[in-house]
Protein backbone atom coordinates (compact mmCIF):
# COMPACT_ATOMS: atom_id res chain seq x y z
CA MET A 1 152.24 -169.00 -168.47
CA GLU A 2 151.75 -170.90 -172.59
CA ARG A 3 150.43 -169.01 -175.78
CA GLN A 4 147.73 -170.28 -176.24
CA GLU A 5 146.26 -168.70 -172.33
CA ILE A 6 147.39 -165.68 -172.86
CA GLN A 7 145.03 -165.08 -175.90
CA LEU A 8 142.44 -166.36 -174.49
CA LEU A 9 142.96 -163.49 -171.38
CA ALA A 10 143.21 -161.72 -173.97
CA GLN A 11 139.65 -162.66 -175.47
CA ASP A 12 138.14 -162.09 -172.32
CA ALA A 13 139.24 -158.85 -172.40
CA VAL A 14 138.40 -157.65 -175.48
CA LYS A 15 134.89 -159.22 -175.22
CA PHE A 16 134.94 -157.61 -171.49
CA ILE A 17 136.20 -154.18 -173.35
CA ILE A 18 134.07 -153.95 -175.97
CA GLU A 19 130.70 -155.56 -173.93
CA GLU A 20 131.59 -151.81 -171.85
CA SER A 21 132.52 -150.11 -175.23
CA LEU A 22 128.40 -150.86 -176.23
CA LYS A 23 127.01 -149.97 -173.31
CA ILE A 24 127.94 -145.85 -173.31
CA ARG A 25 127.78 -146.20 -177.30
CA LEU A 26 124.57 -143.58 -176.94
CA THR A 27 125.11 -141.23 -173.69
CA ASP A 28 129.57 -141.06 -174.79
CA PRO A 29 130.39 -142.23 -178.20
CA GLN A 30 133.76 -140.64 -177.94
CA ARG A 31 134.70 -142.82 -174.80
CA SER A 32 133.15 -145.91 -177.03
CA GLN A 33 135.48 -145.43 -179.96
CA GLU A 34 138.27 -145.33 -177.27
CA LEU A 35 137.57 -148.33 -175.53
CA PHE A 36 136.58 -150.21 -178.81
CA ARG A 37 140.68 -149.20 -180.31
CA THR A 38 141.74 -150.47 -177.49
CA ALA A 39 140.10 -153.77 -177.93
CA ARG A 40 141.10 -153.77 -181.70
CA LYS A 41 144.36 -152.89 -180.25
CA ILE A 42 144.42 -155.82 -177.73
CA GLY A 43 143.11 -157.36 -180.52
CA LYS A 44 145.87 -157.61 -183.46
CA ARG A 45 148.69 -157.93 -180.51
CA GLY A 46 147.12 -161.32 -179.63
CA ARG A 47 147.13 -162.12 -183.76
CA PHE A 48 143.26 -162.84 -183.11
CA HIS A 49 140.16 -162.32 -184.97
CA LEU A 50 137.07 -160.18 -183.03
CA PRO A 51 133.86 -161.81 -181.89
CA HIS A 52 132.56 -161.83 -184.98
CA LYS A 53 128.43 -160.19 -184.27
CA TYR A 54 130.30 -156.99 -182.53
CA ARG A 55 132.20 -156.31 -186.09
CA PHE A 56 128.81 -154.49 -187.62
CA LEU A 57 128.16 -152.62 -184.57
CA PHE A 58 131.20 -150.26 -185.30
CA CYS A 59 132.27 -148.32 -188.41
CA ARG A 60 134.91 -150.02 -189.69
CA SER A 61 137.36 -146.79 -191.13
CA CYS A 62 136.56 -144.80 -187.81
CA TYR A 63 135.73 -147.22 -185.01
CA TYR A 64 133.13 -145.19 -184.02
CA PRO A 65 130.06 -146.65 -182.42
CA LEU A 66 127.00 -147.24 -184.95
CA SER A 67 122.83 -146.90 -183.97
CA ILE A 68 120.16 -145.33 -185.54
CA LYS A 69 121.98 -141.49 -184.48
CA THR A 70 125.42 -142.11 -185.76
CA ALA A 71 124.39 -143.76 -189.23
CA LYS A 72 122.19 -144.59 -191.85
CA ILE A 73 121.20 -147.75 -192.20
CA ARG A 74 119.72 -148.35 -195.82
CA LEU A 75 119.25 -151.44 -197.55
CA ASN A 76 119.25 -152.67 -200.94
CA SER A 77 116.67 -155.32 -202.06
CA LYS A 78 118.22 -155.80 -205.54
CA LYS A 79 121.60 -157.23 -204.62
CA GLN A 80 120.75 -158.01 -201.20
CA GLN A 81 122.50 -155.38 -199.37
CA ILE A 82 122.60 -153.60 -195.89
CA HIS A 83 124.27 -149.92 -195.96
CA TYR A 84 125.49 -148.84 -192.94
CA LEU A 85 126.80 -145.05 -193.85
CA CYS A 86 128.16 -143.58 -190.59
CA LEU A 87 127.46 -140.15 -190.35
CA ASN A 88 130.89 -139.24 -188.59
CA CYS A 89 133.45 -140.03 -191.19
CA LYS A 90 130.79 -140.40 -193.94
CA LYS A 91 132.14 -143.59 -195.06
CA GLU A 92 129.72 -146.54 -196.48
CA GLN A 93 129.90 -150.06 -195.80
CA ARG A 94 128.27 -153.03 -197.35
CA PHE A 95 127.25 -155.57 -196.40
CA GLY A 96 124.68 -158.87 -197.65
CA TYR A 97 121.83 -160.38 -195.81
CA LEU A 98 123.11 -163.83 -195.86
CA TYR A 99 126.74 -162.59 -194.97
CA SER A 100 125.07 -160.56 -192.19
CA ARG A 101 122.83 -163.66 -190.74
CA LYS A 102 124.64 -166.51 -191.21
CA LYS A 103 127.06 -165.62 -188.62
CA GLU A 104 125.19 -164.97 -185.58
């Protein structure tokens, strides 16, 4: 198999794993975290980025799934930023309004 074929298979596998992780993120966050870590490892080994729409759904530092129960979400209208505070690791992430809207 050629490198491009392998990379396409890996991308499909990553999308499938992340979608399964999103299905169980509210009922079993620990398992969801493990699945997302597995998807990240496959992505690193395959040398490609994760799909952009999934990047904001997990914490960058601990890969815990972000939801209403597991994160505090605030809007900063002066800087036009969205602030996510992960309640698992207490890390804060910031994303601009235009950045998160543009790439969906």
